[in-house]
């Protein structure tokens, strides 16, 4: 079970930091990602980090503004969001793939999901 937190209201140009934690296990061997879903739209990939921590991947709309990371004890994954735009408004979900897997941008490839945290950016 994954738990996402850190969402809220921010002004355009501001920052928020999302956090994803596993309630019962370490995330050390899991490739993790953040997705988002805006009202009336499909869920879309935002950022992913390889289970080894050796690589990350970002969707074009967030490149240079968002950073995905995982903490040293491997129990949390973060999404630092800077330079927020109104179009970043969405519910953000963290997701985990099976152990030792590669980064994917396809929601169906992820087996574990958090409950979502709402990010609202005022213009």
PDB file of N, CA and C in Angstrom:
ATOM      1  N   UNK A   1       0.838  -1.183   0.000  1.00  0.00           N
ATOM      2  CA  UNK A   1       0.000   0.000   0.000  1.00  0.00           C
ATOM      3  C   UNK A   1       0.881   1.243   0.000  1.00  0.00           C
ATOM      4  N   UNK A   2       0.621   2.129  -0.954  1.00  0.00           N
ATOM      5  CA  UNK A   2       1.375   3.376  -1.067  1.00  0.00           C
ATOM      6  C   UNK A   2       0.522   4.531  -0.575  1.00  0.00           C
ATOM      7  N   UNK A   3       1.187   5.498   0.025  1.00  0.00           N
ATOM      8  CA  UNK A   3       0.480   6.655   0.538  1.00  0.00           C
ATOM      9  C   UNK A   3       1.155   7.910   0.024  1.00  0.00           C
ATOM     10  N   UNK A   4       0.408   8.698  -0.721  1.00  0.00           N
ATOM     11  CA  UNK A   4       0.918   9.953  -1.270  1.00  0.00           C
ATOM     12  C   UNK A   4       0.436  11.109  -0.421  1.00  0.00           C
ATOM     13  N   UNK A   5       1.289  12.120  -0.296  1.00  0.00           N
ATOM     14  CA  UNK A   5       0.942  13.307   0.476  1.00  0.00           C
ATOM     15  C   UNK A   5       1.698  14.505  -0.069  1.00  0.00           C
ATOM     16  N   UNK A   6       1.345  15.675   0.426  1.00  0.00           N
ATOM     17  CA  UNK A   6       2.069  16.879   0.057  1.00  0.00           C
ATOM     18  C   UNK A   6       1.362  17.801  -0.914  1.00  0.00           C
ATOM     19  N   UNK A   7       0.230  17.374  -1.405  1.00  0.00           N
ATOM     20  CA  UNK A   7      -0.506  18.226  -2.317  1.00  0.00           C
ATOM     21  C   UNK A   7      -1.097  19.427  -1.603  1.00  0.00           C
ATOM     22  N   UNK A   8      -1.633  20.352  -2.388  1.00  0.00           N
ATOM     23  CA  UNK A   8      -2.238  21.542  -1.817  1.00  0.00           C
ATOM     24  C   UNK A   8      -2.392  22.611  -2.873  1.00  0.00           C
ATOM     25  N   UNK A   9      -2.568  23.813  -2.392  1.00  0.00           N
ATOM     26  CA  UNK A   9      -2.770  24.964  -3.269  1.00  0.00           C
ATOM     27  C   UNK A   9      -1.471  25.748  -3.387  1.00  0.00           C
ATOM     28  N   UNK A  10      -1.091  26.072  -4.607  1.00  0.00           N
ATOM     29  CA  UNK A  10       0.104  26.869  -4.845  1.00  0.00           C
ATOM     30  C   UNK A  10      -0.190  27.905  -5.913  1.00  0.00           C
ATOM     31  N   UNK A  11       0.540  28.979  -5.887  1.00  0.00           N
ATOM     32  CA  UNK A  11       0.428  29.993  -6.928  1.00  0.00           C
ATOM     33  C   UNK A  11       1.298  29.607  -8.113  1.00  0.00           C
ATOM     34  N   UNK A  12       0.946  30.084  -9.262  1.00  0.00           N
ATOM     35  CA  UNK A  12       1.771  29.869 -10.439  1.00  0.00           C
ATOM     36  C   UNK A  12       3.184  30.382 -10.166  1.00  0.00           C
ATOM     37  N   UNK A  13       4.168  29.562 -10.529  1.00  0.00           N
ATOM     38  CA  UNK A  13       5.549  29.895 -10.252  1.00  0.00           C
ATOM     39  C   UNK A  13       6.055  29.370  -8.921  1.00  0.00           C
ATOM     40  N   UNK A  14       5.160  28.866  -8.111  1.00  0.00           N
ATOM     41  CA  UNK A  14       5.531  28.356  -6.796  1.00  0.00           C
ATOM     42  C   UNK A  14       5.998  26.918  -6.836  1.00  0.00           C
ATOM     43  N   UNK A  15       6.149  26.352  -5.646  1.00  0.00           N
ATOM     44  CA  UNK A  15       6.690  25.000  -5.516  1.00  0.00           C
ATOM     45  C   UNK A  15       5.876  24.182  -4.529  1.00  0.00           C
ATOM     46  N   UNK A  16       5.875  22.877  -4.768  1.00  0.00           N
ATOM     47  CA  UNK A  16       5.327  21.904  -3.834  1.00  0.00           C
ATOM     48  C   UNK A  16       6.205  20.670  -3.875  1.00  0.00           C
ATOM     49  N   UNK A  17       6.204  19.921  -2.779  1.00  0.00           N
ATOM     50  CA  UNK A  17       6.945  18.667  -2.733  1.00  0.00           C
ATOM     51  C   UNK A  17       6.015  17.537  -2.333  1.00  0.00           C
ATOM     52  N   UNK A  18       5.844  16.583  -3.217  1.00  0.00           N
ATOM     53  CA  UNK A  18       5.014  15.421  -2.941  1.00  0.00           C
ATOM     54  C   UNK A  18       5.871  14.301  -2.383  1.00  0.00           C
ATOM     55  N   UNK A  19       5.262  13.508  -1.527  1.00  0.00           N
ATOM     56  CA  UNK A  19       5.954  12.380  -0.907  1.00  0.00           C
ATOM     57  C   UNK A  19       5.117  11.120  -1.063  1.00  0.00           C
ATOM     58  N   UNK A  20       5.780  10.013  -1.261  1.00  0.00           N
ATOM     59  CA  UNK A  20       5.111   8.718  -1.389  1.00  0.00           C
ATOM     60  C   UNK A  20       5.802   7.733  -0.464  1.00  0.00           C
ATOM     61  N   UNK A  21       5.042   7.095   0.385  1.00  0.00           N
ATOM     62  CA  UNK A  21       5.614   6.140   1.338  1.00  0.00           C
ATOM     63  C   UNK A  21       4.887   4.810   1.245  1.00  0.00           C
ATOM     64  N   UNK A  22       5.629   3.754   1.524  1.00  0.00           N
ATOM     65  CA  UNK A  22       5.037   2.420   1.603  1.00  0.00           C
ATOM     66  C   UNK A  22       4.737   2.129   3.057  1.00  0.00           C
ATOM     67  N   UNK A  23       3.535   1.679   3.328  1.00  0.00           N
ATOM     68  CA  UNK A  23       3.130   1.492   4.718  1.00  0.00           C
ATOM     69  C   UNK A  23       3.772   0.272   5.369  1.00  0.00           C
ATOM     70  N   UNK A  24       4.097  -0.749   4.568  1.00  0.00           N
ATOM     71  CA  UNK A  24       4.553  -1.984   5.182  1.00  0.00           C
ATOM     72  C   UNK A  24       5.878  -2.504   4.644  1.00  0.00           C
ATOM     73  N   UNK A  25       6.491  -1.818   3.675  1.00  0.00           N
ATOM     74  CA  UNK A  25       7.724  -2.371   3.109  1.00  0.00           C
ATOM     75  C   UNK A  25       8.613  -1.261   2.579  1.00  0.00           C
ATOM     76  N   UNK A  26       9.861  -1.579   2.398  1.00  0.00           N
ATOM     77  CA  UNK A  26      10.772  -0.646   1.757  1.00  0.00           C
ATOM     78  C   UNK A  26      10.498  -0.606   0.257  1.00  0.00           C
ATOM     79  N   UNK A  27      10.845   0.498  -0.348  1.00  0.00           N
ATOM     80  CA  UNK A  27      10.658   0.649  -1.791  1.00  0.00           C
ATOM     81  C   UNK A  27      11.956   0.415  -2.551  1.00  0.00           C
ATOM     82  N   UNK A  28      12.960  -0.122  -1.860  1.00  0.00           N
ATOM     83  CA  UNK A  28      14.308  -0.190  -2.419  1.00  0.00           C
ATOM     84  C   UNK A  28      14.393  -0.908  -3.756  1.00  0.00           C
ATOM     85  N   UNK A  29      13.594  -1.943  -3.982  1.00  0.00           N
ATOM     86  CA  UNK A  29      13.733  -2.723  -5.209  1.00  0.00           C
ATOM     87  C   UNK A  29      12.635  -2.422  -6.222  1.00  0.00           C
ATOM     88  N   UNK A  30      11.889  -1.366  -5.992  1.00  0.00           N
ATOM     89  CA  UNK A  30      10.756  -1.053  -6.853  1.00  0.00           C
ATOM     90  C   UNK A  30      11.024   0.181  -7.706  1.00  0.00           C
ATOM     91  N   UNK A  31      10.806   0.054  -9.001  1.00  0.00           N
ATOM     92  CA  UNK A  31      10.814   1.218  -9.874  1.00  0.00           C
ATOM     93  C   UNK A  31       9.539   1.999  -9.607  1.00  0.00           C
ATOM     94  N   UNK A  32       9.692   3.283  -9.362  1.00  0.00           N
ATOM     95  CA  UNK A  32       8.578   4.112  -8.934  1.00  0.00           C
ATOM     96  C   UNK A  32       8.293   5.224  -9.947  1.00  0.00           C
ATOM     97  N   UNK A  33       7.083   5.709  -9.914  1.00  0.00           N
ATOM     98  CA  UNK A  33       6.710   6.784 -10.830  1.00  0.00           C
ATOM     99  C   UNK A  33       5.605   7.628 -10.219  1.00  0.00           C
ATOM    100  N   UNK A  34       5.464   8.798 -10.757  1.00  0.00           N
ATOM    101  CA  UNK A  34       4.346   9.676 -10.445  1.00  0.00           C
ATOM    102  C   UNK A  34       3.523   9.850 -11.722  1.00  0.00           C
ATOM    103  N   UNK A  35       2.212   9.753 -11.566  1.00  0.00           N
ATOM    104  CA  UNK A  35       1.263  10.038 -12.632  1.00  0.00           C
ATOM    105  C   UNK A  35       0.345  11.151 -12.139  1.00  0.00           C
ATOM    106  N   UNK A  36      -0.382  11.724 -13.056  1.00  0.00           N
ATOM    107  CA  UNK A  36      -1.377  12.728 -12.664  1.00  0.00           C
ATOM    108  C   UNK A  36      -2.605  12.606 -13.550  1.00  0.00           C
ATOM    109  N   UNK A  37      -3.711  13.050 -13.005  1.00  0.00           N
ATOM    110  CA  UNK A  37      -4.961  13.021 -13.752  1.00  0.00           C
ATOM    111  C   UNK A  37      -5.738  14.296 -13.481  1.00  0.00           C
ATOM    112  N   UNK A  38      -5.927  15.053 -14.541  1.00  0.00           N
ATOM    113  CA  UNK A  38      -6.710  16.278 -14.455  1.00  0.00           C
ATOM    114  C   UNK A  38      -8.176  15.950 -14.741  1.00  0.00           C
ATOM    115  N   UNK A  39      -9.104  16.792 -14.289  1.00  0.00           N
ATOM    116  CA  UNK A  39     -10.522  16.530 -14.528  1.00  0.00           C
ATOM    117  C   UNK A  39     -10.835  16.352 -16.003  1.00  0.00           C
ATOM    118  N   UNK A  40     -11.513  15.263 -16.331  1.00  0.00           N
ATOM    119  CA  UNK A  40     -11.904  15.019 -17.705  1.00  0.00           C
ATOM    120  C   UNK A  40     -10.812  14.492 -18.609  1.00  0.00           C
ATOM    121  N   UNK A  41      -9.647  14.221 -18.038  1.00  0.00           N
ATOM    122  CA  UNK A  41      -8.530  13.743 -18.848  1.00  0.00           C
ATOM    123  C   UNK A  41      -8.063  12.380 -18.357  1.00  0.00           C
ATOM    124  N   UNK A  42      -7.304  11.707 -19.201  1.00  0.00           N
ATOM    125  CA  UNK A  42      -6.755  10.408 -18.818  1.00  0.00           C
ATOM    126  C   UNK A  42      -5.545  10.593 -17.899  1.00  0.00           C
ATOM    127  N   UNK A  43      -5.252   9.537 -17.159  1.00  0.00           N
ATOM    128  CA  UNK A  43      -4.080   9.558 -16.298  1.00  0.00           C
ATOM    129  C   UNK A  43      -2.824   9.587 -17.174  1.00  0.00           C
ATOM    130  N   UNK A  44      -1.873  10.472 -16.825  1.00  0.00           N
ATOM    131  CA  UNK A  44      -0.674  10.610 -17.626  1.00  0.00           C
ATOM    132  C   UNK A  44       0.577  10.503 -16.763  1.00  0.00           C
ATOM    133  N   UNK A  45       1.619   9.988 -17.391  1.00  0.00           N
ATOM    134  CA  UNK A  45       2.907   9.830 -16.745  1.00  0.00           C
ATOM    135  C   UNK A  45       3.545  11.196 -16.497  1.00  0.00           C
ATOM    136  N   UNK A  46       4.183  11.345 -15.331  1.00  0.00           N
ATOM    137  CA  UNK A  46       4.870  12.591 -14.994  1.00  0.00           C
ATOM    138  C   UNK A  46       6.382  12.351 -14.883  1.00  0.00           C
ATOM    139  N   UNK A  47       6.773  11.396 -14.039  1.00  0.00           N
ATOM    140  CA  UNK A  47       8.200  11.147 -13.806  1.00  0.00           C
ATOM    141  C   UNK A  47       8.377   9.744 -13.251  1.00  0.00           C
ATOM    142  N   UNK A  48       9.540   9.152 -13.535  1.00  0.00           N
ATOM    143  CA  UNK A  48       9.843   7.821 -13.034  1.00  0.00           C
ATOM    144  C   UNK A  48      11.291   7.732 -12.587  1.00  0.00           C
ATOM    145  N   UNK A  49      11.554   6.819 -11.647  1.00  0.00           N
ATOM    146  CA  UNK A  49      12.914   6.599 -11.163  1.00  0.00           C
ATOM    147  C   UNK A  49      13.161   5.097 -11.084  1.00  0.00           C
ATOM    148  N   UNK A  50      14.264   4.661 -11.664  1.00  0.00           N
ATOM    149  CA  UNK A  50      14.637   3.254 -11.686  1.00  0.00           C
ATOM    150  C   UNK A  50      14.878   2.741 -10.272  1.00  0.00           C
ATOM    151  N   UNK A  51      14.617   1.453 -10.064  1.00  0.00           N
ATOM    152  CA  UNK A  51      14.766   0.895  -8.731  1.00  0.00           C
ATOM    153  C   UNK A  51      16.187   1.075  -8.195  1.00  0.00           C
ATOM    154  N   UNK A  52      17.184   1.096  -9.078  1.00  0.00           N
ATOM    155  CA  UNK A  52      18.571   1.268  -8.654  1.00  0.00           C
ATOM    156  C   UNK A  52      18.903   2.712  -8.317  1.00  0.00           C
ATOM    157  N   UNK A  53      18.017   3.618  -8.730  1.00  0.00           N
ATOM    158  CA  UNK A  53      18.307   5.034  -8.531  1.00  0.00           C
ATOM    159  C   UNK A  53      19.236   5.608  -9.581  1.00  0.00           C
ATOM    160  N   UNK A  54      19.629   4.784 -10.553  1.00  0.00           N
ATOM    161  CA  UNK A  54      20.627   5.200 -11.535  1.00  0.00           C
ATOM    162  C   UNK A  54      20.066   6.038 -12.671  1.00  0.00           C
ATOM    163  N   UNK A  55      18.762   6.033 -12.844  1.00  0.00           N
ATOM    164  CA  UNK A  55      18.186   6.814 -13.950  1.00  0.00           C
ATOM    165  C   UNK A  55      16.794   7.318 -13.590  1.00  0.00           C
ATOM    166  N   UNK A  56      16.456   8.414 -14.220  1.00  0.00           N
ATOM    167  CA  UNK A  56      15.132   9.011 -14.087  1.00  0.00           C
ATOM    168  C   UNK A  56      14.612   9.358 -15.474  1.00  0.00           C
ATOM    169  N   UNK A  57      13.325   9.570 -15.556  1.00  0.00           N
ATOM    170  CA  UNK A  57      12.714   9.923 -16.837  1.00  0.00           C
ATOM    171  C   UNK A  57      11.532  10.835 -16.569  1.00  0.00           C
ATOM    172  N   UNK A  58      11.380  11.861 -17.432  1.00  0.00           N
ATOM    173  CA  UNK A  58      10.346  12.861 -17.224  1.00  0.00           C
ATOM    174  C   UNK A  58       9.515  13.052 -18.482  1.00  0.00           C
ATOM    175  N   UNK A  59       8.269  13.358 -18.259  1.00  0.00           N
ATOM    176  CA  UNK A  59       7.413  13.760 -19.368  1.00  0.00           C
ATOM    177  C   UNK A  59       7.847  15.147 -19.832  1.00  0.00           C
ATOM    178  N   UNK A  60       7.701  15.407 -21.104  1.00  0.00           N
ATOM    179  CA  UNK A  60       8.169  16.683 -21.662  1.00  0.00           C
ATOM    180  C   UNK A  60       7.602  17.917 -20.952  1.00  0.00           C
ATOM    181  N   UNK A  61       6.312  17.919 -20.575  1.00  0.00           N
ATOM    182  CA  UNK A  61       5.761  19.139 -19.961  1.00  0.00           C
ATOM    183  C   UNK A  61       6.398  19.513 -18.620  1.00  0.00           C
ATOM    184  N   UNK A  62       7.063  18.567 -17.965  1.00  0.00           N
ATOM    185  CA  UNK A  62       7.606  18.862 -16.639  1.00  0.00           C
ATOM    186  C   UNK A  62       9.124  18.872 -16.606  1.00  0.00           C
ATOM    187  N   UNK A  63       9.758  18.559 -17.718  1.00  0.00           N
ATOM    188  CA  UNK A  63      11.223  18.547 -17.760  1.00  0.00           C
ATOM    189  C   UNK A  63      11.787  19.899 -17.362  1.00  0.00           C
ATOM    190  N   UNK A  64      12.803  19.845 -16.484  1.00  0.00           N
ATOM    191  CA  UNK A  64      13.441  21.074 -16.041  1.00  0.00           C
ATOM    192  C   UNK A  64      12.731  21.759 -14.891  1.00  0.00           C
ATOM    193  N   UNK A  65      11.527  21.282 -14.562  1.00  0.00           N
ATOM    194  CA  UNK A  65      10.770  21.896 -13.459  1.00  0.00           C
ATOM    195  C   UNK A  65      10.553  20.918 -12.301  1.00  0.00           C
ATOM    196  N   UNK A  66      10.355  19.657 -12.623  1.00  0.00           N
ATOM    197  CA  UNK A  66      10.082  18.634 -11.608  1.00  0.00           C
ATOM    198  C   UNK A  66      11.293  17.733 -11.441  1.00  0.00           C
ATOM    199  N   UNK A  67      11.473  17.237 -10.216  1.00  0.00           N
ATOM    200  CA  UNK A  67      12.557  16.303  -9.924  1.00  0.00           C
ATOM    201  C   UNK A  67      12.036  15.154  -9.070  1.00  0.00           C
ATOM    202  N   UNK A  68      12.248  13.932  -9.537  1.00  0.00           N
ATOM    203  CA  UNK A  68      11.878  12.753  -8.759  1.00  0.00           C
ATOM    204  C   UNK A  68      13.122  12.233  -8.059  1.00  0.00           C
ATOM    205  N   UNK A  69      12.962  11.789  -6.830  1.00  0.00           N
ATOM    206  CA  UNK A  69      14.092  11.266  -6.064  1.00  0.00           C
ATOM    207  C   UNK A  69      13.593  10.252  -5.056  1.00  0.00           C
ATOM    208  N   UNK A  70      14.551   9.521  -4.478  1.00  0.00           N
ATOM    209  CA  UNK A  70      14.187   8.577  -3.427  1.00  0.00           C
ATOM    210  C   UNK A  70      15.167   8.762  -2.272  1.00  0.00           C
ATOM    211  N   UNK A  71      14.731   8.569  -1.065  1.00  0.00           N
ATOM    212  CA  UNK A  71      15.589   8.899   0.061  1.00  0.00           C
ATOM    213  C   UNK A  71      16.512   7.727   0.399  1.00  0.00           C
ATOM    214  N   UNK A  72      17.569   7.971   1.157  1.00  0.00           N
ATOM    215  CA  UNK A  72      18.609   6.962   1.373  1.00  0.00           C
ATOM    216  C   UNK A  72      18.106   5.667   1.979  1.00  0.00           C
ATOM    217  N   UNK A  73      17.117   5.729   2.839  1.00  0.00           N
ATOM    218  CA  UNK A  73      16.676   4.482   3.463  1.00  0.00           C
ATOM    219  C   UNK A  73      15.598   3.791   2.644  1.00  0.00           C
ATOM    220  N   UNK A  74      15.359   4.362   1.425  1.00  0.00           N
ATOM    221  CA  UNK A  74      14.483   3.708   0.441  1.00  0.00           C
ATOM    222  C   UNK A  74      13.050   3.507   0.887  1.00  0.00           C
ATOM    223  N   UNK A  75      12.595   4.341   1.791  1.00  0.00           N
ATOM    224  CA  UNK A  75      11.211   4.180   2.209  1.00  0.00           C
ATOM    225  C   UNK A  75      10.282   5.248   1.650  1.00  0.00           C
ATOM    226  N   UNK A  76      10.846   6.242   0.976  1.00  0.00           N
ATOM    227  CA  UNK A  76      10.024   7.306   0.413  1.00  0.00           C
ATOM    228  C   UNK A  76      10.529   7.699  -0.979  1.00  0.00           C
ATOM    229  N   UNK A  77       9.602   8.124  -1.780  1.00  0.00           N
ATOM    230  CA  UNK A  77       9.926   8.698  -3.090  1.00  0.00           C
ATOM    231  C   UNK A  77       9.287  10.082  -3.126  1.00  0.00           C
ATOM    232  N   UNK A  78      10.014  11.026  -3.686  1.00  0.00           N
ATOM    233  CA  UNK A  78       9.564  12.404  -3.676  1.00  0.00           C
ATOM    234  C   UNK A  78       9.387  12.934  -5.108  1.00  0.00           C
ATOM    235  N   UNK A  79       8.568  13.938  -5.229  1.00  0.00           N
ATOM    236  CA  UNK A  79       8.441  14.696  -6.467  1.00  0.00           C
ATOM    237  C   UNK A  79       8.507  16.178  -6.092  1.00  0.00           C
ATOM    238  N   UNK A  80       9.649  16.786  -6.376  1.00  0.00           N
ATOM    239  CA  UNK A  80       9.807  18.218  -6.152  1.00  0.00           C
ATOM    240  C   UNK A  80       9.294  18.952  -7.376  1.00  0.00           C
ATOM    241  N   UNK A  81       8.333  19.807  -7.172  1.00  0.00           N
ATOM    242  CA  UNK A  81       7.707  20.521  -8.289  1.00  0.00           C
ATOM    243  C   UNK A  81       7.982  22.006  -8.146  1.00  0.00           C
ATOM    244  N   UNK A  82       8.747  22.551  -9.055  1.00  0.00           N
ATOM    245  CA  UNK A  82       9.071  23.975  -9.079  1.00  0.00           C
ATOM    246  C   UNK A  82       8.478  24.616 -10.323  1.00  0.00           C
ATOM    247  N   UNK A  83       8.370  25.924 -10.303  1.00  0.00           N
ATOM    248  CA  UNK A  83       7.834  26.616 -11.467  1.00  0.00           C
ATOM    249  C   UNK A  83       6.460  26.128 -11.865  1.00  0.00           C
ATOM    250  N   UNK A  84       5.612  25.914 -10.878  1.00  0.00           N
ATOM    251  CA  UNK A  84       4.285  25.343 -11.150  1.00  0.00           C
ATOM    252  C   UNK A  84       3.477  26.224 -12.097  1.00  0.00           C
ATOM    253  N   UNK A  85       2.700  25.561 -12.939  1.00  0.00           N
ATOM    254  CA  UNK A  85       1.830  26.216 -13.889  1.00  0.00           C
ATOM    255  C   UNK A  85       0.395  25.784 -13.630  1.00  0.00           C
ATOM    256  N   UNK A  86      -0.542  26.574 -14.092  1.00  0.00           N
ATOM    257  CA  UNK A  86      -1.944  26.241 -13.898  1.00  0.00           C
ATOM    258  C   UNK A  86      -2.248  24.864 -14.476  1.00  0.00           C
ATOM    259  N   UNK A  87      -1.623  24.542 -15.594  1.00  0.00           N
ATOM    260  CA  UNK A  87      -1.884  23.257 -16.240  1.00  0.00           C
ATOM    261  C   UNK A  87      -1.316  22.060 -15.478  1.00  0.00           C
ATOM    262  N   UNK A  88      -0.584  22.311 -14.389  1.00  0.00           N
ATOM    263  CA  UNK A  88      -0.114  21.216 -13.530  1.00  0.00           C
ATOM    264  C   UNK A  88      -1.200  20.783 -12.544  1.00  0.00           C
ATOM    265  N   UNK A  89      -2.303  21.510 -12.509  1.00  0.00           N
ATOM    266  CA  UNK A  89      -3.398  21.166 -11.615  1.00  0.00           C
ATOM    267  C   UNK A  89      -3.950  19.781 -11.947  1.00  0.00           C
ATOM    268  N   UNK A  90      -3.933  18.896 -10.939  1.00  0.00           N
ATOM    269  CA  UNK A  90      -4.376  17.515 -11.144  1.00  0.00           C
ATOM    270  C   UNK A  90      -4.287  16.769  -9.822  1.00  0.00           C
ATOM    271  N   UNK A  91      -4.845  15.575  -9.819  1.00  0.00           N
ATOM    272  CA  UNK A  91      -4.586  14.644  -8.723  1.00  0.00           C
ATOM    273  C   UNK A  91      -3.336  13.861  -9.088  1.00  0.00           C
ATOM    274  N   UNK A  92      -2.376  13.816  -8.199  1.00  0.00           N
ATOM    275  CA  UNK A  92      -1.106  13.147  -8.449  1.00  0.00           C
ATOM    276  C   UNK A  92      -1.084  11.814  -7.699  1.00  0.00           C
ATOM    277  N   UNK A  93      -0.660  10.785  -8.421  1.00  0.00           N
ATOM    278  CA  UNK A  93      -0.592   9.434  -7.870  1.00  0.00           C
ATOM    279  C   UNK A  93       0.841   8.910  -7.927  1.00  0.00           C
ATOM    280  N   UNK A  94       1.266   8.259  -6.852  1.00  0.00           N
ATOM    281  CA  UNK A  94       2.521   7.530  -6.949  1.00  0.00           C
ATOM    282  C   UNK A  94       2.200   6.072  -7.263  1.00  0.00           C
ATOM    283  N   UNK A  95       3.119   5.428  -7.953  1.00  0.00           N
ATOM    284  CA  UNK A  95       2.886   4.055  -8.388  1.00  0.00           C
ATOM    285  C   UNK A  95       4.185   3.266  -8.363  1.00  0.00           C
ATOM    286  N   UNK A  96       4.072   1.972  -8.115  1.00  0.00           N
ATOM    287  CA  UNK A  96       5.236   1.107  -8.059  1.00  0.00           C
ATOM    288  C   UNK A  96       5.092  -0.106  -8.957  1.00  0.00           C
ATOM    289  N   UNK A  97       6.185  -0.458  -9.621  1.00  0.00           N
ATOM    290  CA  UNK A  97       6.212  -1.659 -10.476  1.00  0.00           C
ATOM    291  C   UNK A  97       6.781  -2.830  -9.677  1.00  0.00           C
ATOM    292  N   UNK A  98       6.712  -3.998 -10.276  1.00  0.00           N
ATOM    293  CA  UNK A  98       7.283  -5.182  -9.639  1.00  0.00           C
ATOM    294  C   UNK A  98       8.781  -4.987  -9.456  1.00  0.00           C
ATOM    295  N   UNK A  99       9.348  -5.732  -8.540  1.00  0.00           N
ATOM    296  CA  UNK A  99      10.746  -5.567  -8.183  1.00  0.00           C
ATOM    297  C   UNK A  99      11.681  -5.718  -9.388  1.00  0.00           C
ATOM    298  N   UNK A 100      12.682  -4.855  -9.426  1.00  0.00           N
ATOM    299  CA  UNK A 100      13.756  -4.905 -10.416  1.00  0.00           C
ATOM    300  C   UNK A 100      13.267  -4.701 -11.858  1.00  0.00           C
ATOM    301  N   UNK A 101      12.249  -3.908 -12.026  1.00  0.00           N
ATOM    302  CA  UNK A 101      11.719  -3.645 -13.359  1.00  0.00           C
ATOM    303  C   UNK A 101      12.252  -2.320 -13.899  1.00  0.00           C
ATOM    304  N   UNK A 102      11.991  -2.081 -15.190  1.00  0.00           N
ATOM    305  CA  UNK A 102      12.449  -0.859 -15.830  1.00  0.00           C
ATOM    306  C   UNK A 102      11.386   0.234 -15.700  1.00  0.00           C
ATOM    307  N   UNK A 103      11.791   1.468 -15.985  1.00  0.00           N
ATOM    308  CA  UNK A 103      10.843   2.586 -15.968  1.00  0.00           C
ATOM    309  C   UNK A 103       9.839   2.401 -17.091  1.00  0.00           C
ATOM    310  N   UNK A 104       8.593   2.687 -16.810  1.00  0.00           N
ATOM    311  CA  UNK A 104       7.537   2.636 -17.815  1.00  0.00           C
ATOM    312  C   UNK A 104       6.678   3.881 -17.694  1.00  0.00           C
ATOM    313  N   UNK A 105       6.076   4.273 -18.813  1.00  0.00           N
ATOM    314  CA  UNK A 105       5.155   5.409 -18.811  1.00  0.00           C
ATOM    315  C   UNK A 105       3.700   4.943 -18.907  1.00  0.00           C
ATOM    316  N   UNK A 106       3.490   3.647 -18.875  1.00  0.00           N
ATOM    317  CA  UNK A 106       2.163   3.062 -19.046  1.00  0.00           C
ATOM    318  C   UNK A 106       1.558   2.717 -17.691  1.00  0.00           C
ATOM    319  N   UNK A 107       0.430   3.308 -17.334  1.00  0.00           N
ATOM    320  CA  UNK A 107      -0.167   3.032 -16.020  1.00  0.00           C
ATOM    321  C   UNK A 107      -0.411   1.549 -15.754  1.00  0.00           C
ATOM    322  N   UNK A 108      -0.784   0.808 -16.771  1.00  0.00           N
ATOM    323  CA  UNK A 108      -1.106  -0.606 -16.585  1.00  0.00           C
ATOM    324  C   UNK A 108       0.103  -1.444 -16.183  1.00  0.00           C
ATOM    325  N   UNK A 109       1.291  -0.915 -16.365  1.00  0.00           N
ATOM    326  CA  UNK A 109       2.513  -1.645 -15.996  1.00  0.00           C
ATOM    327  C   UNK A 109       2.801  -1.576 -14.499  1.00  0.00           C
ATOM    328  N   UNK A 110       2.056  -0.757 -13.772  1.00  0.00           N
ATOM    329  CA  UNK A 110       2.314  -0.555 -12.346  1.00  0.00           C
ATOM    330  C   UNK A 110       1.291  -1.321 -11.522  1.00  0.00           C
ATOM    331  N   UNK A 111       1.776  -2.027 -10.528  1.00  0.00           N
ATOM    332  CA  UNK A 111       0.907  -2.895  -9.740  1.00  0.00           C
ATOM    333  C   UNK A 111       0.416  -2.248  -8.457  1.00  0.00           C
ATOM    334  N   UNK A 112       1.130  -1.266  -7.961  1.00  0.00           N
ATOM    335  CA  UNK A 112       0.756  -0.634  -6.696  1.00  0.00           C
ATOM    336  C   UNK A 112       0.514   0.846  -6.904  1.00  0.00           C
ATOM    337  N   UNK A 113      -0.551   1.353  -6.285  1.00  0.00           N
ATOM    338  CA  UNK A 113      -0.928   2.764  -6.443  1.00  0.00           C
ATOM    339  C   UNK A 113      -1.258   3.382  -5.098  1.00  0.00           C
ATOM    340  N   UNK A 114      -0.883   4.645  -4.951  1.00  0.00           N
ATOM    341  CA  UNK A 114      -1.319   5.426  -3.815  1.00  0.00           C
ATOM    342  C   UNK A 114      -2.701   5.987  -4.076  1.00  0.00           C
ATOM    343  N   UNK A 115      -3.256   6.657  -3.078  1.00  0.00           N
ATOM    344  CA  UNK A 115      -4.634   7.131  -3.163  1.00  0.00           C
ATOM    345  C   UNK A 115      -4.771   8.443  -3.917  1.00  0.00           C
ATOM    346  N   UNK A 116      -3.669   9.112  -4.196  1.00  0.00           N
ATOM    347  CA  UNK A 116      -3.734  10.379  -4.910  1.00  0.00           C
ATOM    348  C   UNK A 116      -3.733  11.566  -3.966  1.00  0.00           C
ATOM    349  N   UNK A 117      -3.084  12.626  -4.399  1.00  0.00           N
ATOM    350  CA  UNK A 117      -3.056  13.876  -3.641  1.00  0.00           C
ATOM    351  C   UNK A 117      -3.293  15.016  -4.614  1.00  0.00           C
ATOM    352  N   UNK A 118      -4.180  15.928  -4.247  1.00  0.00           N
ATOM    353  CA  UNK A 118      -4.619  16.981  -5.151  1.00  0.00           C
ATOM    354  C   UNK A 118      -3.647  18.155  -5.136  1.00  0.00           C
ATOM    355  N   UNK A 119      -3.238  18.560  -6.316  1.00  0.00           N
ATOM    356  CA  UNK A 119      -2.415  19.752  -6.501  1.00  0.00           C
ATOM    357  C   UNK A 119      -3.229  20.759  -7.301  1.00  0.00           C
ATOM    358  N   UNK A 120      -3.391  21.946  -6.749  1.00  0.00           N
ATOM    359  CA  UNK A 120      -4.121  23.006  -7.413  1.00  0.00           C
ATOM    360  C   UNK A 120      -3.208  24.207  -7.558  1.00  0.00           C
ATOM    361  N   UNK A 121      -3.048  24.667  -8.779  1.00  0.00           N
ATOM    362  CA  UNK A 121      -2.184  25.811  -9.045  1.00  0.00           C
ATOM    363  C   UNK A 121      -3.043  26.959  -9.546  1.00  0.00           C
ATOM    364  N   UNK A 122      -3.014  28.038  -8.824  1.00  0.00           N
ATOM    365  CA  UNK A 122      -3.795  29.206  -9.215  1.00  0.00           C
ATOM    366  C   UNK A 122      -2.990  30.066 -10.182  1.00  0.00           C
ATOM    367  N   UNK A 123      -3.677  30.560 -11.176  1.00  0.00           N
ATOM    368  CA  UNK A 123      -2.983  31.361 -12.195  1.00  0.00           C
ATOM    369  C   UNK A 123      -2.998  32.835 -11.839  1.00  0.00           C
TER     370      UNK A 123
END
